[in-house]
Amino acid sequence: MKHSMAKEEKDNQTMVAEFILLGFKTLPQLQIIFFVIFLIMYMVTMAGNILIVVIILVNPSLYKPMYFFLGNLSVLETCYTSTILPRILASFITDYHGISFSGCFLQFYFFAFLAGAESYLLSVMSYDRYIAICKPLHYVIIMNHRSCIQLSLASWMIGLAAAAVTTFFTSQLTFCGPNKIDHFFCDYAPLLMLSCSQTEQAEMVMLVLGSACTLPPLLLTVTSYVCIIRTILGIPSTTGRSKAFSTCSSHLIVVTVFYGTLIIVYLLPKDRKLRNLNKIFSVFYTILTPMINPFIYSLRNGEFKQALTKSIGKLMSLRISLGIQPR
């Protein structure tokens, strides 16, 4: 009897048809400035990551495991940014902050999928550097073409599976109002706060799968770099130490920014006073990290800069041979 009454009460509630992403709406005087800044960031992110993929594809000298994983990361970052930024940019110029119920969960799914995949892909890249520096004689055997494809595919599939499960459990919750999400994208914590049903099961699933997508790869990354640093410090020559460290320092910077801000966001107390701080740190791992990755990897990598210069030279030669004069 009680169950049927609860069901009837639930059926009589008005279900949420759309959510309102408040984002940076609390600062109306800065909307145009935010639009310009985020548009530039989006353009730079897309151009930089697409350039990395193109340079890797057209230069056989970069057909190596390290650049194979870097190409995967650039593709992932392009998709990752495109999941969030276009919606933010549209809200700045249209003043419409709504997102449909299905659209919100679709965004949440792709965000969770790509974040989980990136976490494991970064750990695979650190493992690649560990083998290259700590076990150089076995590198070609261990990091062969088949192993690289399997490791990369595993990273994507883990993110895909984890996101599917978390999105399913979250979408089964009841949302009957309010519908305002105090964030700039559909993240799981703000969604759970809006639910008018029991969220314990969804929270437990998110905790388990979220931990599975961050702690093991983080542990593998930390372990790899402890071994790498120990090996580098054991190299007698200063030049040798500098060369060895330069091959992994770029990746270490990316890992620090990504995991550092991600951990801060999800460990911060869910307090109203800290929501703006939460948004700022969320910008780091969702928008800023994908933008700075191309600069970190290209500007600190001599081999990549050489391939880039070579590609530009080929392009200029092609223009001249076709009779296209530079303006």
C-alpha atoms as a PDB file:
ATOM      1  CA  MET A   1       0.000   0.000   0.000  1.00  0.00           C
ATOM      2  CA  LYS A   2       2.794   2.406   0.997  1.00  0.00           C
ATOM      3  CA  HIS A   3       4.759   1.462  -2.158  1.00  0.00           C
ATOM      4  CA  SER A   4       1.781   2.208  -4.422  1.00  0.00           C
ATOM      5  CA  MET A   5       1.165   5.552  -2.704  1.00  0.00           C
ATOM      6  CA  ALA A   6       4.832   6.519  -3.151  1.00  0.00           C
ATOM      7  CA  LYS A   7       4.665   5.496  -6.795  1.00  0.00           C
ATOM      8  CA  GLU A   8       1.492   7.541  -7.317  1.00  0.00           C
ATOM      9  CA  GLU A   9       3.071  10.555  -5.622  1.00  0.00           C
ATOM     10  CA  LYS A  10       6.156  10.196  -7.808  1.00  0.00           C
ATOM     11  CA  ASP A  11       4.046   9.962 -10.955  1.00  0.00           C
ATOM     12  CA  ASN A  12       2.186  13.157  -9.991  1.00  0.00           C
ATOM     13  CA  GLN A  13       5.427  15.137  -9.726  1.00  0.00           C
ATOM     14  CA  THR A  14       6.464  17.328 -12.643  1.00  0.00           C
ATOM     15  CA  MET A  15       9.539  15.865 -14.240  1.00  0.00           C
ATOM     16  CA  VAL A  16      12.390  18.139 -15.354  1.00  0.00           C
ATOM     17  CA  ALA A  17      12.448  18.592 -19.151  1.00  0.00           C
ATOM     18  CA  GLU A  18      15.621  20.680 -19.213  1.00  0.00           C
ATOM     19  CA  PHE A  19      18.381  21.936 -16.948  1.00  0.00           C
ATOM     20  CA  ILE A  20      19.705  25.477 -16.621  1.00  0.00           C
ATOM     21  CA  LEU A  21      23.506  25.691 -16.574  1.00  0.00           C
ATOM     22  CA  LEU A  22      24.254  28.805 -14.551  1.00  0.00           C
ATOM     23  CA  GLY A  23      27.936  28.689 -15.478  1.00  0.00           C
ATOM     24  CA  PHE A  24      29.383  32.192 -15.184  1.00  0.00           C
ATOM     25  CA  LYS A  25      25.966  33.890 -15.212  1.00  0.00           C
ATOM     26  CA  THR A  26      26.715  35.439 -11.810  1.00  0.00           C
ATOM     27  CA  LEU A  27      29.143  37.806 -13.576  1.00  0.00           C
ATOM     28  CA  PRO A  28      26.928  39.374 -16.298  1.00  0.00           C
ATOM     29  CA  GLN A  29      29.276  42.312 -16.852  1.00  0.00           C
ATOM     30  CA  LEU A  30      32.045  39.954 -17.977  1.00  0.00           C
ATOM     31  CA  GLN A  31      30.068  37.827 -20.448  1.00  0.00           C
ATOM     32  CA  ILE A  32      31.612  39.390 -23.584  1.00  0.00           C
ATOM     33  CA  ILE A  33      35.126  39.182 -22.132  1.00  0.00           C
ATOM     34  CA  PHE A  34      34.559  35.544 -21.166  1.00  0.00           C
ATOM     35  CA  PHE A  35      33.256  34.799 -24.657  1.00  0.00           C
ATOM     36  CA  VAL A  36      36.383  36.238 -26.308  1.00  0.00           C
ATOM     37  CA  ILE A  37      38.733  34.435 -23.886  1.00  0.00           C
ATOM     38  CA  PHE A  38      37.018  31.042 -24.220  1.00  0.00           C
ATOM     39  CA  LEU A  39      36.710  31.403 -28.006  1.00  0.00           C
ATOM     40  CA  ILE A  40      40.455  32.044 -28.303  1.00  0.00           C
ATOM     41  CA  MET A  41      41.160  29.092 -26.000  1.00  0.00           C
ATOM     42  CA  TYR A  42      38.910  26.829 -28.091  1.00  0.00           C
ATOM     43  CA  MET A  43      40.522  27.898 -31.377  1.00  0.00           C
ATOM     44  CA  VAL A  44      44.036  27.457 -29.988  1.00  0.00           C
ATOM     45  CA  THR A  45      43.142  24.046 -28.537  1.00  0.00           C
ATOM     46  CA  MET A  46      41.657  22.770 -31.785  1.00  0.00           C
ATOM     47  CA  ALA A  47      44.440  24.177 -33.977  1.00  0.00           C
ATOM     48  CA  GLY A  48      47.242  22.946 -31.710  1.00  0.00           C
ATOM     49  CA  ASN A  49      45.949  19.404 -31.219  1.00  0.00           C
ATOM     50  CA  ILE A  50      44.963  18.937 -34.867  1.00  0.00           C
ATOM     51  CA  LEU A  51      48.413  20.206 -35.902  1.00  0.00           C
ATOM     52  CA  ILE A  52      50.081  17.604 -33.669  1.00  0.00           C
ATOM     53  CA  VAL A  53      48.026  14.794 -35.236  1.00  0.00           C
ATOM     54  CA  VAL A  54      48.804  15.997 -38.784  1.00  0.00           C
ATOM     55  CA  ILE A  55      52.553  16.397 -38.122  1.00  0.00           C
ATOM     56  CA  ILE A  56      52.725  12.892 -36.619  1.00  0.00           C
ATOM     57  CA  LEU A  57      50.838  11.383 -39.577  1.00  0.00           C
ATOM     58  CA  VAL A  58      52.945  13.021 -42.310  1.00  0.00           C
ATOM     59  CA  ASN A  59      56.353  12.424 -40.726  1.00  0.00           C
ATOM     60  CA  PRO A  60      57.559   8.793 -40.752  1.00  0.00           C
ATOM     61  CA  SER A  61      60.339   9.809 -38.334  1.00  0.00           C
ATOM     62  CA  LEU A  62      57.618  10.211 -35.674  1.00  0.00           C
ATOM     63  CA  TYR A  63      56.197   6.713 -36.145  1.00  0.00           C
ATOM     64  CA  LYS A  64      57.242   5.775 -32.627  1.00  0.00           C
ATOM     65  CA  PRO A  65      55.254   4.649 -29.563  1.00  0.00           C
ATOM     66  CA  MET A  66      55.681   7.996 -27.779  1.00  0.00           C
ATOM     67  CA  TYR A  67      54.182   9.937 -30.688  1.00  0.00           C
ATOM     68  CA  PHE A  68      51.511   7.313 -31.301  1.00  0.00           C
ATOM     69  CA  PHE A  69      50.223   7.885 -27.767  1.00  0.00           C
ATOM     70  CA  LEU A  70      50.647  11.664 -28.156  1.00  0.00           C
ATOM     71  CA  GLY A  71      48.480  11.509 -31.289  1.00  0.00           C
ATOM     72  CA  ASN A  72      45.823   9.598 -29.341  1.00  0.00           C
ATOM     73  CA  LEU A  73      45.969  12.198 -26.581  1.00  0.00           C
ATOM     74  CA  SER A  74      45.542  15.051 -29.087  1.00  0.00           C
ATOM     75  CA  VAL A  75      42.500  13.375 -30.651  1.00  0.00           C
ATOM     76  CA  LEU A  76      41.062  12.828 -27.181  1.00  0.00           C
ATOM     77  CA  GLU A  77      41.703  16.441 -26.127  1.00  0.00           C
ATOM     78  CA  THR A  78      39.999  17.716 -29.300  1.00  0.00           C
ATOM     79  CA  CYS A  79      36.866  15.693 -28.508  1.00  0.00           C
ATOM     80  CA  TYR A  80      37.085  16.522 -24.793  1.00  0.00           C
ATOM     81  CA  THR A  81      37.105  20.280 -25.371  1.00  0.00           C
ATOM     82  CA  SER A  82      34.372  20.074 -28.025  1.00  0.00           C
ATOM     83  CA  THR A  83      32.109  18.338 -25.508  1.00  0.00           C
ATOM     84  CA  ILE A  84      32.080  21.362 -23.208  1.00  0.00           C
ATOM     85  CA  LEU A  85      33.280  24.609 -24.810  1.00  0.00           C
ATOM     86  CA  PRO A  86      30.796  25.097 -27.720  1.00  0.00           C
ATOM     87  CA  ARG A  87      27.882  24.966 -25.261  1.00  0.00           C
ATOM     88  CA  ILE A  88      29.581  27.563 -23.032  1.00  0.00           C
ATOM     89  CA  LEU A  89      30.283  29.868 -25.979  1.00  0.00           C
ATOM     90  CA  ALA A  90      26.664  29.645 -27.160  1.00  0.00           C
ATOM     91  CA  SER A  91      25.369  30.647 -23.708  1.00  0.00           C
ATOM     92  CA  PHE A  92      27.556  33.766 -23.701  1.00  0.00           C
ATOM     93  CA  ILE A  93      26.156  35.193 -26.950  1.00  0.00           C
ATOM     94  CA  THR A  94      22.542  33.968 -26.802  1.00  0.00           C
ATOM     95  CA  ASP A  95      21.957  34.369 -23.059  1.00  0.00           C
ATOM     96  CA  TYR A  96      20.229  30.978 -23.214  1.00  0.00           C
ATOM     97  CA  HIS A  97      21.590  28.667 -20.532  1.00  0.00           C
ATOM     98  CA  GLY A  98      19.207  25.758 -20.964  1.00  0.00           C
ATOM     99  CA  ILE A  99      20.185  22.229 -21.960  1.00  0.00           C
ATOM    100  CA  SER A 100      17.703  19.415 -22.566  1.00  0.00           C
ATOM    101  CA  PHE A 101      17.473  16.454 -20.197  1.00  0.00           C
ATOM    102  CA  SER A 102      18.917  14.041 -22.788  1.00  0.00           C
ATOM    103  CA  GLY A 103      21.477  16.626 -23.927  1.00  0.00           C
ATOM    104  CA  CYS A 104      22.722  17.042 -20.354  1.00  0.00           C
ATOM    105  CA  PHE A 105      23.246  13.316 -19.856  1.00  0.00           C
ATOM    106  CA  LEU A 106      24.838  12.995 -23.290  1.00  0.00           C
ATOM    107  CA  GLN A 107      27.332  15.698 -22.331  1.00  0.00           C
ATOM    108  CA  PHE A 108      27.929  13.997 -18.985  1.00  0.00           C
ATOM    109  CA  TYR A 109      28.523  10.661 -20.744  1.00  0.00           C
ATOM    110  CA  PHE A 110      31.131  12.029 -23.161  1.00  0.00           C
ATOM    111  CA  PHE A 111      32.825  14.032 -20.416  1.00  0.00           C
ATOM    112  CA  ALA A 112      33.099  10.959 -18.156  1.00  0.00           C
ATOM    113  CA  PHE A 113      34.179   8.746 -21.068  1.00  0.00           C
ATOM    114  CA  LEU A 114      36.949  11.071 -22.248  1.00  0.00           C
ATOM    115  CA  ALA A 115      38.148  11.960 -18.724  1.00  0.00           C
ATOM    116  CA  GLY A 116      38.460   8.257 -17.817  1.00  0.00           C
ATOM    117  CA  ALA A 117      40.212   7.466 -21.102  1.00  0.00           C
ATOM    118  CA  GLU A 118      42.645  10.371 -20.626  1.00  0.00           C
ATOM    119  CA  SER A 119      43.497   9.229 -17.118  1.00  0.00           C
ATOM    120  CA  TYR A 120      44.555   5.785 -18.360  1.00  0.00           C
ATOM    121  CA  LEU A 121      46.195   7.137 -21.521  1.00  0.00           C
ATOM    122  CA  LEU A 122      48.419   9.427 -19.439  1.00  0.00           C
ATOM    123  CA  SER A 123      49.463   6.431 -17.325  1.00  0.00           C
ATOM    124  CA  VAL A 124      50.229   4.441 -20.498  1.00  0.00           C
ATOM    125  CA  MET A 125      52.422   7.320 -21.689  1.00  0.00           C
ATOM    126  CA  SER A 126      54.284   7.336 -18.374  1.00  0.00           C
ATOM    127  CA  TYR A 127      54.767   3.548 -18.676  1.00  0.00           C
ATOM    128  CA  ASP A 128      56.176   4.091 -22.171  1.00  0.00           C
ATOM    129  CA  ARG A 129      58.718   6.582 -20.779  1.00  0.00           C
ATOM    130  CA  TYR A 130      59.561   4.161 -17.963  1.00  0.00           C
ATOM    131  CA  ILE A 131      60.398   1.378 -20.429  1.00  0.00           C
ATOM    132  CA  ALA A 132      62.372   3.773 -22.672  1.00  0.00           C
ATOM    133  CA  ILE A 133      64.543   5.106 -19.835  1.00  0.00           C
ATOM    134  CA  CYS A 134      64.728   2.228 -17.350  1.00  0.00           C
ATOM    135  CA  LYS A 135      64.719  -0.722 -19.789  1.00  0.00           C
ATOM    136  CA  PRO A 136      66.086   0.705 -23.075  1.00  0.00           C
ATOM    137  CA  LEU A 137      67.389  -2.648 -24.365  1.00  0.00           C
ATOM    138  CA  HIS A 138      63.901  -4.179 -24.129  1.00  0.00           C
ATOM    139  CA  TYR A 139      61.993  -1.136 -25.383  1.00  0.00           C
ATOM    140  CA  VAL A 140      61.527  -2.266 -28.987  1.00  0.00           C
ATOM    141  CA  ILE A 141      60.324  -5.698 -27.869  1.00  0.00           C
ATOM    142  CA  ILE A 142      57.949  -4.521 -25.130  1.00  0.00           C
ATOM    143  CA  MET A 143      56.529  -1.442 -26.874  1.00  0.00           C
ATOM    144  CA  ASN A 144      55.932  -3.033 -30.257  1.00  0.00           C
ATOM    145  CA  HIS A 145      53.191  -1.942 -32.651  1.00  0.00           C
ATOM    146  CA  ARG A 146      50.683  -4.478 -31.342  1.00  0.00           C
ATOM    147  CA  SER A 147      51.290  -3.558 -27.695  1.00  0.00           C
ATOM    148  CA  CYS A 148      50.822   0.142 -28.448  1.00  0.00           C
ATOM    149  CA  ILE A 149      47.473  -0.460 -30.145  1.00  0.00           C
ATOM    150  CA  GLN A 150      46.296  -2.731 -27.320  1.00  0.00           C
ATOM    151  CA  LEU A 151      47.287  -0.254 -24.591  1.00  0.00           C
ATOM    152  CA  SER A 152      45.681   2.650 -26.417  1.00  0.00           C
ATOM    153  CA  LEU A 153      42.501   0.689 -27.144  1.00  0.00           C
ATOM    154  CA  ALA A 154      42.296  -0.466 -23.527  1.00  0.00           C
ATOM    155  CA  SER A 155      42.420   3.169 -22.327  1.00  0.00           C
ATOM    156  CA  TRP A 156      39.540   4.163 -24.611  1.00  0.00           C
ATOM    157  CA  MET A 157      37.455   1.078 -23.730  1.00  0.00           C
ATOM    158  CA  ILE A 158      37.854   1.518 -19.952  1.00  0.00           C
ATOM    159  CA  GLY A 159      36.623   5.104 -20.220  1.00  0.00           C
ATOM    160  CA  LEU A 160      33.768   4.007 -22.483  1.00  0.00           C
ATOM    161  CA  ALA A 161      32.580   1.257 -20.127  1.00  0.00           C
ATOM    162  CA  ALA A 162      32.915   3.285 -16.921  1.00  0.00           C
ATOM    163  CA  ALA A 163      31.029   6.231 -18.418  1.00  0.00           C
ATOM    164  CA  ALA A 164      28.217   3.994 -19.687  1.00  0.00           C
ATOM    165  CA  VAL A 165      27.624   2.528 -16.215  1.00  0.00           C
ATOM    166  CA  THR A 166      27.787   5.840 -14.323  1.00  0.00           C
ATOM    167  CA  THR A 167      25.551   7.615 -16.846  1.00  0.00           C
ATOM    168  CA  PHE A 168      22.992   4.801 -16.668  1.00  0.00           C
ATOM    169  CA  PHE A 169      22.715   4.917 -12.870  1.00  0.00           C
ATOM    170  CA  THR A 170      22.604   8.719 -12.787  1.00  0.00           C
ATOM    171  CA  SER A 171      19.923   8.888 -15.501  1.00  0.00           C
ATOM    172  CA  GLN A 172      17.700   6.545 -13.466  1.00  0.00           C
ATOM    173  CA  LEU A 173      17.346   9.191 -10.752  1.00  0.00           C
ATOM    174  CA  THR A 174      14.210  11.306 -10.528  1.00  0.00           C
ATOM    175  CA  PHE A 175      14.498  15.035 -11.208  1.00  0.00           C
ATOM    176  CA  CYS A 176      11.402  17.003 -10.290  1.00  0.00           C
ATOM    177  CA  GLY A 177      12.841  20.463  -9.678  1.00  0.00           C
ATOM    178  CA  PRO A 178      14.711  22.698  -9.125  1.00  0.00           C
ATOM    179  CA  ASN A 179      16.596  22.396 -12.405  1.00  0.00           C
ATOM    180  CA  LYS A 180      19.411  24.955 -12.040  1.00  0.00           C
ATOM    181  CA  ILE A 181      22.931  23.467 -12.187  1.00  0.00           C
ATOM    182  CA  ASP A 182      25.492  25.805 -10.618  1.00  0.00           C
ATOM    183  CA  HIS A 183      28.244  24.743 -13.024  1.00  0.00           C
ATOM    184  CA  PHE A 184      29.260  25.319 -16.655  1.00  0.00           C
ATOM    185  CA  PHE A 185      28.684  21.690 -17.726  1.00  0.00           C
ATOM    186  CA  CYS A 186      26.695  18.647 -16.598  1.00  0.00           C
ATOM    187  CA  ASP A 187      28.882  17.048 -13.944  1.00  0.00           C
ATOM    188  CA  TYR A 188      27.770  14.245 -11.645  1.00  0.00           C
ATOM    189  CA  ALA A 189      27.938  16.073  -8.284  1.00  0.00           C
ATOM    190  CA  PRO A 190      25.627  18.979  -9.299  1.00  0.00           C
ATOM    191  CA  LEU A 191      23.225  16.496 -10.905  1.00  0.00           C
ATOM    192  CA  LEU A 192      23.000  14.373  -7.751  1.00  0.00           C
ATOM    193  CA  MET A 193      22.270  17.507  -5.713  1.00  0.00           C
ATOM    194  CA  LEU A 194      19.196  18.205  -7.877  1.00  0.00           C
ATOM    195  CA  SER A 195      17.718  14.727  -7.644  1.00  0.00           C
ATOM    196  CA  CYS A 196      14.575  14.285  -5.547  1.00  0.00           C
ATOM    197  CA  SER A 197      15.086  10.505  -5.218  1.00  0.00           C
ATOM    198  CA  GLN A 198      17.513   8.374  -3.251  1.00  0.00           C
ATOM    199  CA  THR A 199      21.048   8.864  -4.612  1.00  0.00           C
ATOM    200  CA  GLU A 200      23.040   6.465  -2.409  1.00  0.00           C
ATOM    201  CA  GLN A 201      23.329   3.765  -5.085  1.00  0.00           C
ATOM    202  CA  ALA A 202      24.389   6.223  -7.792  1.00  0.00           C
ATOM    203  CA  GLU A 203      26.904   7.814  -5.413  1.00  0.00           C
ATOM    204  CA  MET A 204      28.384   4.412  -4.560  1.00  0.00           C
ATOM    205  CA  VAL A 205      28.697   3.448  -8.237  1.00  0.00           C
ATOM    206  CA  MET A 206      30.323   6.812  -9.003  1.00  0.00           C
ATOM    207  CA  LEU A 207      32.721   6.461  -6.091  1.00  0.00           C
ATOM    208  CA  VAL A 208      33.815   2.952  -7.111  1.00  0.00           C
ATOM    209  CA  LEU A 209      34.162   3.647 -10.843  1.00  0.00           C
ATOM    210  CA  GLY A 210      35.608   7.126 -10.305  1.00  0.00           C
ATOM    211  CA  SER A 211      38.267   5.653  -8.027  1.00  0.00           C
ATOM    212  CA  ALA A 212      38.935   2.849 -10.544  1.00  0.00           C
ATOM    213  CA  CYS A 213      39.493   5.439 -13.297  1.00  0.00           C
ATOM    214  CA  THR A 214      41.856   7.629 -11.290  1.00  0.00           C
ATOM    215  CA  LEU A 215      43.681   5.763  -8.512  1.00  0.00           C
ATOM    216  CA  PRO A 216      45.210   2.820 -10.493  1.00  0.00           C
ATOM    217  CA  PRO A 217      46.499   5.009 -13.362  1.00  0.00           C
ATOM    218  CA  LEU A 218      47.722   7.632 -10.892  1.00  0.00           C
ATOM    219  CA  LEU A 219      49.551   4.960  -8.889  1.00  0.00           C
ATOM    220  CA  LEU A 220      51.093   3.549 -12.084  1.00  0.00           C
ATOM    221  CA  THR A 221      52.170   7.043 -13.158  1.00  0.00           C
ATOM    222  CA  VAL A 222      53.740   7.885  -9.795  1.00  0.00           C
ATOM    223  CA  THR A 223      55.518   4.515  -9.650  1.00  0.00           C
ATOM    224  CA  SER A 224      56.832   4.950 -13.202  1.00  0.00           C
ATOM    225  CA  TYR A 225      58.249   8.393 -12.452  1.00  0.00           C
ATOM    226  CA  VAL A 226      59.829   7.298  -9.182  1.00  0.00           C
ATOM    227  CA  CYS A 227      61.703   4.628 -11.163  1.00  0.00           C
ATOM    228  CA  ILE A 228      62.502   7.100 -13.961  1.00  0.00           C
ATOM    229  CA  ILE A 229      63.929   9.732 -11.593  1.00  0.00           C
ATOM    230  CA  ARG A 230      65.963   7.081  -9.767  1.00  0.00           C
ATOM    231  CA  THR A 231      67.411   5.866 -13.075  1.00  0.00           C
ATOM    232  CA  ILE A 232      68.146   9.419 -14.297  1.00  0.00           C
ATOM    233  CA  LEU A 233      69.970  10.306 -11.084  1.00  0.00           C
ATOM    234  CA  GLY A 234      72.134   7.209 -11.610  1.00  0.00           C
ATOM    235  CA  ILE A 235      73.370   8.425 -15.020  1.00  0.00           C
ATOM    236  CA  PRO A 236      76.975   9.642 -14.540  1.00  0.00           C
ATOM    237  CA  SER A 237      77.021  12.261 -17.286  1.00  0.00           C
ATOM    238  CA  THR A 238      75.233  15.599 -16.812  1.00  0.00           C
ATOM    239  CA  THR A 239      74.397  15.715 -20.518  1.00  0.00           C
ATOM    240  CA  GLY A 240      72.902  12.217 -20.333  1.00  0.00           C
ATOM    241  CA  ARG A 241      70.762  13.145 -17.324  1.00  0.00           C
ATOM    242  CA  SER A 242      69.519  16.295 -19.043  1.00  0.00           C
ATOM    243  CA  LYS A 243      68.639  14.424 -22.237  1.00  0.00           C
ATOM    244  CA  ALA A 244      66.836  11.637 -20.364  1.00  0.00           C
ATOM    245  CA  PHE A 245      64.826  14.045 -18.236  1.00  0.00           C
ATOM    246  CA  SER A 246      63.835  16.191 -21.242  1.00  0.00           C
ATOM    247  CA  THR A 247      62.071  13.198 -22.822  1.00  0.00           C
ATOM    248  CA  CYS A 248      59.631  12.869 -19.913  1.00  0.00           C
ATOM    249  CA  SER A 249      59.458  16.349 -18.317  1.00  0.00           C
ATOM    250  CA  SER A 250      56.698  17.495 -20.710  1.00  0.00           C
ATOM    251  CA  HIS A 251      54.505  14.557 -19.798  1.00  0.00           C
ATOM    252  CA  LEU A 252      55.187  15.090 -16.098  1.00  0.00           C
ATOM    253  CA  ILE A 253      53.914  18.687 -16.355  1.00  0.00           C
ATOM    254  CA  VAL A 254      50.691  17.563 -18.075  1.00  0.00           C
ATOM    255  CA  VAL A 255      50.096  14.801 -15.524  1.00  0.00           C
ATOM    256  CA  THR A 256      50.658  17.180 -12.598  1.00  0.00           C
ATOM    257  CA  VAL A 257      48.189  19.781 -13.922  1.00  0.00           C
ATOM    258  CA  PHE A 258      45.546  17.202 -14.889  1.00  0.00           C
ATOM    259  CA  TYR A 259      45.583  15.056 -11.756  1.00  0.00           C
ATOM    260  CA  GLY A 260      46.293  17.986  -9.416  1.00  0.00           C
ATOM    261  CA  THR A 261      43.238  20.018 -10.419  1.00  0.00           C
ATOM    262  CA  LEU A 262      41.031  16.919 -10.813  1.00  0.00           C
ATOM    263  CA  ILE A 263      41.798  15.749  -7.269  1.00  0.00           C
ATOM    264  CA  ILE A 264      41.270  19.242  -5.825  1.00  0.00           C
ATOM    265  CA  VAL A 265      37.853  19.548  -7.501  1.00  0.00           C
ATOM    266  CA  TYR A 266      36.559  16.206  -6.248  1.00  0.00           C
ATOM    267  CA  LEU A 267      38.037  16.556  -2.759  1.00  0.00           C
ATOM    268  CA  LEU A 268      36.713  20.070  -2.154  1.00  0.00           C
ATOM    269  CA  PRO A 269      33.755  20.137   0.265  1.00  0.00           C
ATOM    270  CA  LYS A 270      30.442  20.530  -1.609  1.00  0.00           C
ATOM    271  CA  ASP A 271      29.844  23.917  -0.044  1.00  0.00           C
ATOM    272  CA  ARG A 272      28.039  26.837  -1.707  1.00  0.00           C
ATOM    273  CA  LYS A 273      30.898  29.189  -0.770  1.00  0.00           C
ATOM    274  CA  LEU A 274      33.386  26.978  -2.618  1.00  0.00           C
ATOM    275  CA  ARG A 275      31.381  26.513  -5.830  1.00  0.00           C
ATOM    276  CA  ASN A 276      33.123  29.363  -7.660  1.00  0.00           C
ATOM    277  CA  LEU A 277      36.486  27.925  -6.632  1.00  0.00           C
ATOM    278  CA  ASN A 278      35.292  24.535  -7.913  1.00  0.00           C
ATOM    279  CA  LYS A 279      34.449  26.108 -11.283  1.00  0.00           C
ATOM    280  CA  ILE A 280      37.889  27.713 -11.546  1.00  0.00           C
ATOM    281  CA  PHE A 281      39.707  24.437 -10.935  1.00  0.00           C
ATOM    282  CA  SER A 282      37.318  22.649 -13.303  1.00  0.00           C
ATOM    283  CA  VAL A 283      38.390  25.080 -16.044  1.00  0.00           C
ATOM    284  CA  PHE A 284      41.970  23.857 -15.560  1.00  0.00           C
ATOM    285  CA  TYR A 285      41.398  20.173 -16.341  1.00  0.00           C
ATOM    286  CA  THR A 286      38.530  20.580 -18.826  1.00  0.00           C
ATOM    287  CA  ILE A 287      39.697  23.579 -20.880  1.00  0.00           C
ATOM    288  CA  LEU A 288      43.182  24.805 -19.935  1.00  0.00           C
ATOM    289  CA  THR A 289      44.996  21.442 -19.954  1.00  0.00           C
ATOM    290  CA  PRO A 290      43.839  20.489 -23.482  1.00  0.00           C
ATOM    291  CA  MET A 291      44.983  23.931 -24.684  1.00  0.00           C
ATOM    292  CA  ILE A 292      48.483  23.889 -23.186  1.00  0.00           C
ATOM    293  CA  ASN A 293      49.249  20.256 -24.096  1.00  0.00           C
ATOM    294  CA  PRO A 294      50.327  21.036 -27.692  1.00  0.00           C
ATOM    295  CA  PHE A 295      52.658  23.803 -26.482  1.00  0.00           C
ATOM    296  CA  ILE A 296      54.197  21.686 -23.736  1.00  0.00           C
ATOM    297  CA  TYR A 297      54.837  18.692 -25.986  1.00  0.00           C
ATOM    298  CA  SER A 298      55.970  20.607 -29.070  1.00  0.00           C
ATOM    299  CA  LEU A 299      58.052  23.425 -27.565  1.00  0.00           C
ATOM    300  CA  ARG A 300      59.935  21.072 -25.236  1.00  0.00           C
ATOM    301  CA  ASN A 301      60.535  18.350 -27.815  1.00  0.00           C
ATOM    302  CA  GLY A 302      63.431  18.845 -30.246  1.00  0.00           C
ATOM    303  CA  GLU A 303      62.448  15.907 -32.448  1.00  0.00           C
ATOM    304  CA  PHE A 304      58.905  17.213 -32.878  1.00  0.00           C
ATOM    305  CA  LYS A 305      60.118  20.764 -33.615  1.00  0.00           C
ATOM    306  CA  GLN A 306      62.458  19.359 -36.254  1.00  0.00           C
ATOM    307  CA  ALA A 307      59.581  17.437 -37.876  1.00  0.00           C
ATOM    308  CA  LEU A 308      57.407  20.583 -37.763  1.00  0.00           C
ATOM    309  CA  THR A 309      60.121  22.660 -39.453  1.00  0.00           C
ATOM    310  CA  LYS A 310      60.579  19.959 -42.087  1.00  0.00           C
ATOM    311  CA  SER A 311      56.831  19.867 -42.790  1.00  0.00           C
ATOM    312  CA  ILE A 312      56.669  23.662 -43.127  1.00  0.00           C
ATOM    313  CA  GLY A 313      59.619  23.511 -45.537  1.00  0.00           C
ATOM    314  CA  LYS A 314      57.835  20.883 -47.647  1.00  0.00           C
ATOM    315  CA  LEU A 315      54.669  22.990 -47.680  1.00  0.00           C
ATOM    316  CA  MET A 316      56.572  26.079 -48.828  1.00  0.00           C
ATOM    317  CA  SER A 317      58.337  24.080 -51.561  1.00  0.00           C
ATOM    318  CA  LEU A 318      54.960  22.749 -52.721  1.00  0.00           C
ATOM    319  CA  ARG A 319      53.539  26.276 -52.879  1.00  0.00           C
ATOM    320  CA  ILE A 320      56.484  27.460 -54.962  1.00  0.00           C
ATOM    321  CA  SER A 321      56.292  24.458 -57.325  1.00  0.00           C
ATOM    322  CA  LEU A 322      52.581  25.143 -57.842  1.00  0.00           C
ATOM    323  CA  GLY A 323      53.295  28.789 -58.541  1.00  0.00           C
ATOM    324  CA  ILE A 324      51.537  30.058 -55.421  1.00  0.00           C
ATOM    325  CA  GLN A 325      53.414  33.095 -54.195  1.00  0.00           C
ATOM    326  CA  PRO A 326      53.247  33.903 -50.481  1.00  0.00           C
ATOM    327  CA  ARG A 327      51.461  37.180 -49.749  1.00  0.00           C
END
